[in-house]
Amino acid sequence: QVQLVESGGGLVQPGGSLRLSCAASGSEFTLTSVGWYRQAPGKQRELIAEIQRDGSADYADSVKGRFTISRDNPKNTAYLQMNSLKLEDTAVYYCNARAIMFMPPAFREFDYWGQGTQVTVSS
C-alpha cells in the first residue's frame, strides 16, 4: 500500500506563486507516473500535469508555461511549481501516482490518490 500526502496549498493573490508537494510513503514500491489534477467547484477533475519516471512531462494547455512539474525519485516526492497564478486556477489540487509493487508471483501496478489540497487565488 502507498500513501500520498499533498502539501503547499493556500491563499495567494493573482500573479503569485505556490509550490505543491506530493510525498509517497509505503513499503517496497516504485513510482512510475505522477500526475497533478485539479477540480474547481462545479467542474470535473482535470489532469493538468504529468511526469514520468525519466522526467519527461506533459501539461494541459491551461497551465503550460506557468506550471512546472518535477520529481525527486529517491525521495518519492513530486512537486508542482505554480507561477503567474490566475483566479481560474482556484481549485482543489490532487496528486495521483502509479506504483509498481511485487506481489508474488508478479509485479503489479496500482493507482493512488492524495487527499487534495486547496489552492485559492484571490485579490
Protein backbone atom coordinates (compact mmCIF):
# COMPACT_ATOMS: atom_id res chain seq x y z
CA GLN A 1 0.00 0.00 0.00
CA VAL A 2 1.17 3.53 -0.82
CA GLN A 3 0.06 6.71 0.88
CA LEU A 4 0.21 10.09 -0.85
CA VAL A 5 0.30 13.29 1.17
CA GLU A 6 -0.02 16.65 -0.53
CA SER A 7 1.04 19.95 0.94
CA GLY A 8 1.69 23.52 -0.08
CA GLY A 9 -1.76 24.79 -0.91
CA GLY A 10 -3.10 28.08 0.35
CA LEU A 11 -4.34 31.54 -0.49
CA VAL A 12 -2.39 33.63 -2.97
CA GLN A 13 -3.00 36.81 -4.93
CA PRO A 14 -3.25 36.78 -8.71
CA GLY A 15 0.22 36.71 -10.22
CA GLY A 16 1.63 34.95 -7.19
CA SER A 17 3.27 31.56 -6.84
CA LEU A 18 2.80 28.39 -4.86
CA ARG A 19 4.66 25.11 -4.75
CA LEU A 20 2.76 21.91 -4.10
CA SER A 21 4.40 18.73 -2.87
CA CYS A 22 3.23 15.14 -3.08
CA ALA A 23 5.10 12.71 -0.87
CA ALA A 24 4.61 8.97 -1.28
CA SER A 25 5.27 6.51 1.50
CA GLY A 26 4.85 2.80 1.96
CA SER A 27 6.88 -0.34 1.64
CA GLU A 28 8.84 -1.51 -1.36
CA PHE A 29 7.32 0.28 -4.26
CA THR A 30 8.50 2.15 -7.34
CA LEU A 31 6.61 5.16 -8.54
CA THR A 32 6.13 5.30 -12.28
CA SER A 33 4.00 8.23 -13.44
CA VAL A 34 2.83 11.04 -11.17
CA GLY A 35 0.12 13.45 -12.14
CA TRP A 36 -1.43 16.57 -10.72
CA TYR A 37 -5.15 17.02 -11.16
CA ARG A 38 -7.43 19.81 -10.06
CA GLN A 39 -11.14 20.17 -9.51
CA ALA A 40 -12.86 23.51 -9.34
CA PRO A 41 -16.36 23.87 -7.85
CA GLY A 42 -18.96 22.55 -10.26
CA LYS A 43 -16.36 21.24 -12.68
CA GLN A 44 -14.89 17.87 -13.47
CA ARG A 45 -11.47 16.87 -12.21
CA GLU A 46 -8.87 17.56 -14.88
CA LEU A 47 -5.31 16.43 -15.43
CA ILE A 48 -3.03 19.44 -15.61
CA ALA A 49 0.47 17.97 -15.46
CA GLU A 50 2.07 14.55 -15.54
CA ILE A 51 5.63 13.38 -15.18
CA GLN A 52 7.20 10.04 -15.95
CA ARG A 53 10.00 8.41 -14.02
CA ASP A 54 12.56 9.59 -16.57
CA GLY A 55 11.45 13.18 -16.03
CA SER A 56 9.51 13.66 -19.23
CA ALA A 57 6.45 15.80 -18.60
CA ASP A 58 3.24 16.93 -20.23
CA TYR A 59 0.95 19.83 -19.42
CA ALA A 60 -2.56 20.93 -20.08
CA ASP A 61 -2.76 24.00 -22.30
CA SER A 62 -4.32 25.97 -19.45
CA VAL A 63 -1.13 25.77 -17.35
CA LYS A 64 1.60 25.38 -19.96
CA GLY A 65 4.33 27.94 -19.45
CA ARG A 66 3.17 28.80 -15.93
CA PHE A 67 3.34 25.48 -14.04
CA THR A 68 6.28 23.12 -13.78
CA ILE A 69 6.08 19.54 -12.56
CA SER A 70 9.17 17.83 -11.18
CA ARG A 71 10.06 14.85 -9.06
CA ASP A 72 12.75 13.57 -6.75
CA ASN A 73 12.85 9.82 -7.24
CA PRO A 74 15.00 8.93 -4.20
CA LYS A 75 12.58 10.91 -2.02
CA ASN A 76 9.47 9.55 -3.76
CA THR A 77 8.21 13.10 -3.97
CA ALA A 78 6.73 15.13 -6.79
CA TYR A 79 6.27 18.87 -6.98
CA LEU A 80 4.15 21.35 -8.84
CA GLN A 81 5.59 24.85 -9.08
CA MET A 82 2.78 27.22 -9.95
CA ASN A 83 3.68 30.71 -11.15
CA SER A 84 1.61 33.59 -12.52
CA LEU A 85 -1.45 32.23 -10.80
CA LYS A 86 -4.84 33.31 -12.07
CA LEU A 87 -8.26 33.47 -10.46
CA GLU A 88 -9.30 30.47 -12.56
CA ASP A 89 -6.57 28.34 -11.02
CA THR A 90 -8.62 28.18 -7.83
CA ALA A 91 -9.39 24.53 -7.17
CA VAL A 92 -8.61 21.53 -5.04
CA TYR A 93 -5.39 20.01 -6.35
CA TYR A 94 -4.89 16.26 -6.20
CA CYS A 95 -1.83 14.15 -6.66
CA ASN A 96 -2.16 10.83 -8.46
CA ALA A 97 0.58 8.26 -8.63
CA ARG A 98 1.04 4.86 -10.15
CA ALA A 99 3.24 2.47 -8.22
CA ILE A 100 4.68 -0.91 -9.03
CA MET A 101 4.96 -3.45 -6.25
CA PHE A 102 6.00 -7.06 -6.23
CA MET A 103 3.08 -9.19 -5.17
CA PRO A 104 4.10 -12.79 -5.78
CA PRO A 105 4.26 -14.18 -8.29
CA ALA A 106 4.31 -10.95 -10.31
CA PHE A 107 4.85 -7.20 -10.28
CA ARG A 108 1.61 -5.28 -10.25
CA GLU A 109 0.80 -1.65 -10.85
CA PHE A 110 -1.59 0.27 -8.63
CA ASP A 111 -3.15 3.71 -8.77
CA TYR A 112 -3.24 6.03 -5.75
CA TRP A 113 -4.71 9.43 -4.91
CA GLY A 114 -3.83 12.01 -2.33
CA GLN A 115 -6.38 13.76 -0.17
CA GLY A 116 -6.22 17.03 -2.06
CA THR A 117 -5.01 20.49 -1.13
CA GLN A 118 -6.93 23.72 -1.63
CA VAL A 119 -5.45 26.47 -3.79
CA THR A 120 -7.32 29.76 -3.74
CA VAL A 121 -6.29 32.65 -5.95
CA SER A 122 -7.98 35.83 -4.84
CA SER A 123 -7.27 39.52 -4.51
